[in-house]
Amino acid sequence: MPPRNADPATIAKLLATYEEKKGRDVAFIEAARWGALDDVVRLHQAGVNVNCRGSNNETALGTAAFAAQVAVVRFLLTHGADVSRSRRSARGGGGLNAGTASSPGD
């Protein structure tokens, strides 16, 4: 986990380390957790599936929702993330729900 209020350069370095040592899927999920939308987009464009699972069976959507990363949740949902695959949402925990993540007028 990056330090609180970590600057984008620090987050980018941490994600590069995750990507190199643990793979793109893990980096994608960590980027979602940290709210690093630019990195989520970059990794998705590089071929990471929005419904991939991490080493603890977590999904990017469940992780981002639990961390209340609204912009990331919106991106994942508009790019095909499957709410039913989210382990965290299935447990009922988390920081967001469908009403919180939707835009006004949706």
N, C-alpha and C. Protein backbone atom coordinates (compact mmCIF):
# COMPACT_ATOMS: atom_id res chain seq x y z
N MET A 1 0.85 -1.18 0.00
CA MET A 1 0.00 0.00 0.00
C MET A 1 0.90 1.24 0.00
N PRO A 2 0.57 2.23 -0.85
CA PRO A 2 1.41 3.43 -0.86
C PRO A 2 1.17 4.27 0.38
N PRO A 3 2.14 5.11 0.72
CA PRO A 3 1.94 5.99 1.87
C PRO A 3 0.75 6.92 1.61
N ARG A 4 0.12 7.35 2.69
CA ARG A 4 -0.99 8.31 2.52
C ARG A 4 -0.51 9.52 1.74
N ASN A 5 -1.39 10.02 0.89
CA ASN A 5 -1.09 11.20 0.07
C ASN A 5 0.15 11.02 -0.79
N ALA A 6 0.40 9.80 -1.23
CA ALA A 6 1.56 9.55 -2.10
C ALA A 6 1.36 10.27 -3.42
N ASP A 7 2.42 10.81 -3.93
CA ASP A 7 2.34 11.51 -5.20
C ASP A 7 2.24 10.49 -6.34
N PRO A 8 1.74 10.91 -7.49
CA PRO A 8 1.58 9.99 -8.62
C PRO A 8 2.87 9.28 -9.03
N ALA A 9 4.01 9.95 -8.91
CA ALA A 9 5.28 9.32 -9.28
C ALA A 9 5.60 8.15 -8.36
N THR A 10 5.32 8.31 -7.06
CA THR A 10 5.56 7.22 -6.11
C THR A 10 4.65 6.04 -6.40
N ILE A 11 3.39 6.33 -6.66
CA ILE A 11 2.43 5.27 -7.00
C ILE A 11 2.86 4.57 -8.28
N ALA A 12 3.31 5.32 -9.29
CA ALA A 12 3.76 4.71 -10.55
C ALA A 12 4.94 3.77 -10.32
N LYS A 13 5.87 4.16 -9.47
CA LYS A 13 7.01 3.30 -9.16
C LYS A 13 6.58 2.02 -8.46
N LEU A 14 5.67 2.15 -7.49
CA LEU A 14 5.17 0.98 -6.78
C LEU A 14 4.44 0.03 -7.73
N LEU A 15 3.62 0.60 -8.62
CA LEU A 15 2.88 -0.24 -9.56
C LEU A 15 3.82 -0.92 -10.54
N ALA A 16 4.88 -0.24 -10.96
CA ALA A 16 5.86 -0.86 -11.86
C ALA A 16 6.51 -2.06 -11.18
N THR A 17 6.78 -1.93 -9.89
CA THR A 17 7.37 -3.04 -9.14
C THR A 17 6.38 -4.21 -9.07
N TYR A 18 5.12 -3.91 -8.77
CA TYR A 18 4.09 -4.96 -8.73
C TYR A 18 3.99 -5.63 -10.09
N GLU A 19 3.95 -4.83 -11.14
CA GLU A 19 3.80 -5.37 -12.49
C GLU A 19 4.96 -6.29 -12.83
N GLU A 20 6.16 -5.89 -12.48
CA GLU A 20 7.35 -6.68 -12.79
C GLU A 20 7.42 -7.97 -11.96
N LYS A 21 7.11 -7.87 -10.67
CA LYS A 21 7.31 -9.02 -9.78
C LYS A 21 6.08 -9.90 -9.64
N LYS A 22 4.89 -9.34 -9.74
CA LYS A 22 3.68 -10.11 -9.48
C LYS A 22 2.73 -10.19 -10.67
N GLY A 23 2.99 -9.42 -11.71
CA GLY A 23 2.17 -9.49 -12.90
C GLY A 23 1.21 -8.32 -13.04
N ARG A 24 0.69 -8.19 -14.25
CA ARG A 24 -0.21 -7.08 -14.57
C ARG A 24 -1.52 -7.13 -13.79
N ASP A 25 -2.07 -8.32 -13.60
CA ASP A 25 -3.35 -8.42 -12.89
C ASP A 25 -3.23 -7.85 -11.48
N VAL A 26 -2.17 -8.20 -10.78
CA VAL A 26 -1.97 -7.69 -9.42
C VAL A 26 -1.77 -6.18 -9.45
N ALA A 27 -0.99 -5.69 -10.40
CA ALA A 27 -0.78 -4.24 -10.52
C ALA A 27 -2.10 -3.53 -10.80
N PHE A 28 -2.95 -4.13 -11.64
CA PHE A 28 -4.25 -3.56 -11.99
C PHE A 28 -5.12 -3.44 -10.73
N ILE A 29 -5.16 -4.49 -9.93
CA ILE A 29 -5.98 -4.48 -8.72
C ILE A 29 -5.44 -3.48 -7.71
N GLU A 30 -4.13 -3.39 -7.58
CA GLU A 30 -3.54 -2.42 -6.66
C GLU A 30 -3.81 -0.99 -7.15
N ALA A 31 -3.71 -0.76 -8.45
CA ALA A 31 -4.01 0.57 -8.99
C ALA A 31 -5.46 0.94 -8.68
N ALA A 32 -6.36 -0.03 -8.80
CA ALA A 32 -7.77 0.21 -8.47
C ALA A 32 -7.93 0.55 -7.00
N ARG A 33 -7.24 -0.17 -6.13
CA ARG A 33 -7.30 0.06 -4.68
C ARG A 33 -6.83 1.47 -4.34
N TRP A 34 -5.77 1.92 -5.00
CA TRP A 34 -5.17 3.21 -4.70
C TRP A 34 -5.84 4.37 -5.42
N GLY A 35 -6.77 4.07 -6.33
CA GLY A 35 -7.44 5.14 -7.07
C GLY A 35 -6.59 5.73 -8.17
N ALA A 36 -5.64 4.96 -8.66
CA ALA A 36 -4.73 5.42 -9.72
C ALA A 36 -5.38 5.16 -11.08
N LEU A 37 -6.36 6.00 -11.41
CA LEU A 37 -7.17 5.79 -12.61
C LEU A 37 -6.32 5.73 -13.88
N ASP A 38 -5.34 6.60 -14.02
CA ASP A 38 -4.49 6.58 -15.22
C ASP A 38 -3.82 5.22 -15.39
N ASP A 39 -3.38 4.63 -14.30
CA ASP A 39 -2.73 3.32 -14.36
C ASP A 39 -3.73 2.21 -14.63
N VAL A 40 -4.93 2.33 -14.08
CA VAL A 40 -5.99 1.36 -14.38
C VAL A 40 -6.28 1.37 -15.88
N VAL A 41 -6.43 2.57 -16.43
CA VAL A 41 -6.69 2.70 -17.87
C VAL A 41 -5.53 2.13 -18.68
N ARG A 42 -4.31 2.48 -18.32
CA ARG A 42 -3.13 2.00 -19.05
C ARG A 42 -3.05 0.48 -19.05
N LEU A 43 -3.24 -0.11 -17.90
CA LEU A 43 -3.16 -1.57 -17.81
C LEU A 43 -4.31 -2.25 -18.55
N HIS A 44 -5.49 -1.65 -18.49
CA HIS A 44 -6.63 -2.21 -19.24
C HIS A 44 -6.34 -2.14 -20.74
N GLN A 45 -5.80 -1.01 -21.20
CA GLN A 45 -5.46 -0.87 -22.62
C GLN A 45 -4.35 -1.83 -23.02
N ALA A 46 -3.52 -2.25 -22.06
CA ALA A 46 -2.45 -3.21 -22.34
C ALA A 46 -2.96 -4.65 -22.33
N GLY A 47 -4.25 -4.82 -22.06
CA GLY A 47 -4.84 -6.14 -22.17
C GLY A 47 -5.31 -6.80 -20.89
N VAL A 48 -5.22 -6.11 -19.76
CA VAL A 48 -5.70 -6.71 -18.51
C VAL A 48 -7.23 -6.73 -18.53
N ASN A 49 -7.79 -7.87 -18.21
CA ASN A 49 -9.24 -8.05 -18.16
C ASN A 49 -9.79 -7.36 -16.92
N VAL A 50 -10.87 -6.58 -17.07
CA VAL A 50 -11.42 -5.86 -15.92
C VAL A 50 -11.96 -6.81 -14.85
N ASN A 51 -12.19 -8.07 -15.21
CA ASN A 51 -12.70 -9.05 -14.25
C ASN A 51 -11.63 -10.00 -13.73
N CYS A 52 -10.35 -9.64 -13.91
CA CYS A 52 -9.28 -10.51 -13.43
C CYS A 52 -9.36 -10.62 -11.91
N ARG A 53 -8.73 -11.66 -11.40
CA ARG A 53 -8.71 -11.89 -9.96
C ARG A 53 -7.27 -11.87 -9.46
N GLY A 54 -7.10 -11.36 -8.24
CA GLY A 54 -5.78 -11.33 -7.62
C GLY A 54 -5.49 -12.61 -6.87
N SER A 55 -4.38 -12.61 -6.17
CA SER A 55 -3.93 -13.79 -5.46
C SER A 55 -4.86 -14.19 -4.32
N ASN A 56 -5.67 -13.28 -3.83
CA ASN A 56 -6.65 -13.58 -2.77
C ASN A 56 -8.06 -13.67 -3.32
N ASN A 57 -8.16 -13.88 -4.63
CA ASN A 57 -9.44 -14.01 -5.33
C ASN A 57 -10.23 -12.71 -5.39
N GLU A 58 -9.57 -11.58 -5.12
CA GLU A 58 -10.25 -10.30 -5.18
C GLU A 58 -10.32 -9.79 -6.62
N THR A 59 -11.28 -8.91 -6.87
CA THR A 59 -11.39 -8.27 -8.18
C THR A 59 -11.05 -6.79 -8.04
N ALA A 60 -10.73 -6.16 -9.15
CA ALA A 60 -10.46 -4.72 -9.13
C ALA A 60 -11.70 -3.95 -8.70
N LEU A 61 -12.88 -4.38 -9.18
CA LEU A 61 -14.12 -3.69 -8.83
C LEU A 61 -14.40 -3.76 -7.33
N GLY A 62 -14.31 -4.94 -6.77
CA GLY A 62 -14.57 -5.09 -5.34
C GLY A 62 -13.57 -4.32 -4.50
N THR A 63 -12.32 -4.34 -4.94
CA THR A 63 -11.27 -3.64 -4.21
C THR A 63 -11.46 -2.14 -4.29
N ALA A 64 -11.76 -1.63 -5.48
CA ALA A 64 -11.97 -0.18 -5.65
C ALA A 64 -13.21 0.28 -4.89
N ALA A 65 -14.27 -0.51 -4.93
CA ALA A 65 -15.50 -0.15 -4.21
C ALA A 65 -15.24 -0.12 -2.71
N PHE A 66 -14.53 -1.12 -2.21
CA PHE A 66 -14.22 -1.18 -0.78
C PHE A 66 -13.39 0.03 -0.35
N ALA A 67 -12.52 0.50 -1.23
CA ALA A 67 -11.67 1.66 -0.93
C ALA A 67 -12.33 2.99 -1.30
N ALA A 68 -13.59 2.94 -1.75
CA ALA A 68 -14.36 4.15 -2.12
C ALA A 68 -13.68 4.96 -3.23
N GLN A 69 -13.13 4.26 -4.22
CA GLN A 69 -12.48 4.91 -5.36
C GLN A 69 -13.52 5.07 -6.48
N VAL A 70 -14.34 6.10 -6.38
CA VAL A 70 -15.50 6.28 -7.25
C VAL A 70 -15.12 6.33 -8.72
N ALA A 71 -14.12 7.11 -9.08
CA ALA A 71 -13.74 7.24 -10.49
C ALA A 71 -13.30 5.90 -11.08
N VAL A 72 -12.58 5.12 -10.30
CA VAL A 72 -12.13 3.80 -10.77
C VAL A 72 -13.32 2.87 -10.91
N VAL A 73 -14.22 2.88 -9.94
CA VAL A 73 -15.42 2.04 -10.01
C VAL A 73 -16.21 2.37 -11.27
N ARG A 74 -16.41 3.64 -11.53
CA ARG A 74 -17.15 4.04 -12.75
C ARG A 74 -16.46 3.53 -14.00
N PHE A 75 -15.14 3.68 -14.07
CA PHE A 75 -14.39 3.20 -15.24
C PHE A 75 -14.59 1.70 -15.41
N LEU A 76 -14.42 0.95 -14.34
CA LEU A 76 -14.54 -0.51 -14.41
C LEU A 76 -15.93 -0.93 -14.85
N LEU A 77 -16.95 -0.28 -14.29
CA LEU A 77 -18.33 -0.63 -14.67
C LEU A 77 -18.62 -0.31 -16.13
N THR A 78 -18.11 0.81 -16.62
CA THR A 78 -18.36 1.17 -18.02
C THR A 78 -17.53 0.34 -18.99
N HIS A 79 -16.56 -0.40 -18.47
CA HIS A 79 -15.73 -1.26 -19.32
C HIS A 79 -15.98 -2.74 -19.06
N GLY A 80 -17.14 -3.05 -18.52
CA GLY A 80 -17.58 -4.43 -18.45
C GLY A 80 -17.31 -5.20 -17.17
N ALA A 81 -16.91 -4.52 -16.09
CA ALA A 81 -16.69 -5.24 -14.84
C ALA A 81 -18.01 -5.86 -14.38
N ASP A 82 -17.94 -7.09 -13.95
CA ASP A 82 -19.11 -7.86 -13.54
C ASP A 82 -19.28 -7.76 -12.02
N VAL A 83 -20.34 -7.10 -11.60
CA VAL A 83 -20.59 -6.89 -10.17
C VAL A 83 -20.73 -8.22 -9.44
N SER A 84 -21.29 -9.22 -10.09
CA SER A 84 -21.53 -10.49 -9.42
C SER A 84 -20.23 -11.25 -9.14
N ARG A 85 -19.13 -10.87 -9.79
CA ARG A 85 -17.85 -11.55 -9.55
C ARG A 85 -17.06 -10.95 -8.41
N SER A 86 -17.53 -9.85 -7.87
CA SER A 86 -16.80 -9.16 -6.81
C SER A 86 -16.99 -9.86 -5.48
N ARG A 87 -15.91 -10.38 -4.94
CA ARG A 87 -15.95 -11.09 -3.66
C ARG A 87 -16.36 -10.15 -2.53
N ARG A 88 -15.84 -8.93 -2.54
CA ARG A 88 -16.16 -7.99 -1.46
C ARG A 88 -17.63 -7.61 -1.49
N SER A 89 -18.19 -7.35 -2.70
CA SER A 89 -19.60 -6.98 -2.74
C SER A 89 -20.48 -8.15 -2.33
N ALA A 90 -20.05 -9.37 -2.60
CA ALA A 90 -20.82 -10.55 -2.21
C ALA A 90 -20.86 -10.69 -0.69
N ARG A 91 -19.82 -10.22 -0.01
CA ARG A 91 -19.79 -10.30 1.45
C ARG A 91 -20.59 -9.18 2.10
N GLY A 92 -20.94 -8.18 1.31
CA GLY A 92 -21.71 -7.08 1.87
C GLY A 92 -20.86 -5.97 2.44
N GLY A 93 -19.54 -6.11 2.42
CA GLY A 93 -18.67 -5.06 2.93
C GLY A 93 -18.34 -4.08 1.84
N GLY A 94 -17.73 -2.99 2.21
CA GLY A 94 -17.26 -2.08 1.20
C GLY A 94 -17.68 -0.65 1.45
N GLY A 95 -17.06 0.24 0.71
CA GLY A 95 -17.31 1.65 0.88
C GLY A 95 -18.29 2.24 -0.10
N LEU A 96 -18.62 1.54 -1.17
CA LEU A 96 -19.53 2.06 -2.18
C LEU A 96 -20.61 1.04 -2.45
N ASN A 97 -21.71 1.53 -2.97
CA ASN A 97 -22.74 0.65 -3.49
C ASN A 97 -23.15 1.19 -4.85
N ALA A 98 -24.06 0.54 -5.52
CA ALA A 98 -24.42 0.94 -6.88
C ALA A 98 -24.92 2.38 -6.93
N GLY A 99 -25.64 2.81 -5.92
CA GLY A 99 -26.14 4.18 -5.90
C GLY A 99 -25.03 5.21 -5.72
N THR A 100 -24.04 4.87 -4.96
CA THR A 100 -22.92 5.79 -4.71
C THR A 100 -22.07 5.95 -5.95
N ALA A 101 -21.86 4.88 -6.70
CA ALA A 101 -20.96 4.91 -7.83
C ALA A 101 -21.59 5.46 -9.09
N SER A 102 -22.91 5.53 -9.15
CA SER A 102 -23.56 5.99 -10.37
C SER A 102 -23.53 7.52 -10.43
N SER A 103 -23.53 8.02 -11.64
CA SER A 103 -23.53 9.47 -11.84
C SER A 103 -24.96 10.00 -11.69
N PRO A 104 -25.11 11.28 -11.30
CA PRO A 104 -26.45 11.87 -11.24
C PRO A 104 -27.10 11.74 -12.61
N GLY A 105 -28.34 11.36 -12.60
CA GLY A 105 -29.06 11.22 -13.86
C GLY A 105 -28.93 9.87 -14.51
N ASP A 106 -28.14 8.97 -13.92
CA ASP A 106 -28.00 7.62 -14.48
C ASP A 106 -29.23 6.81 -14.20
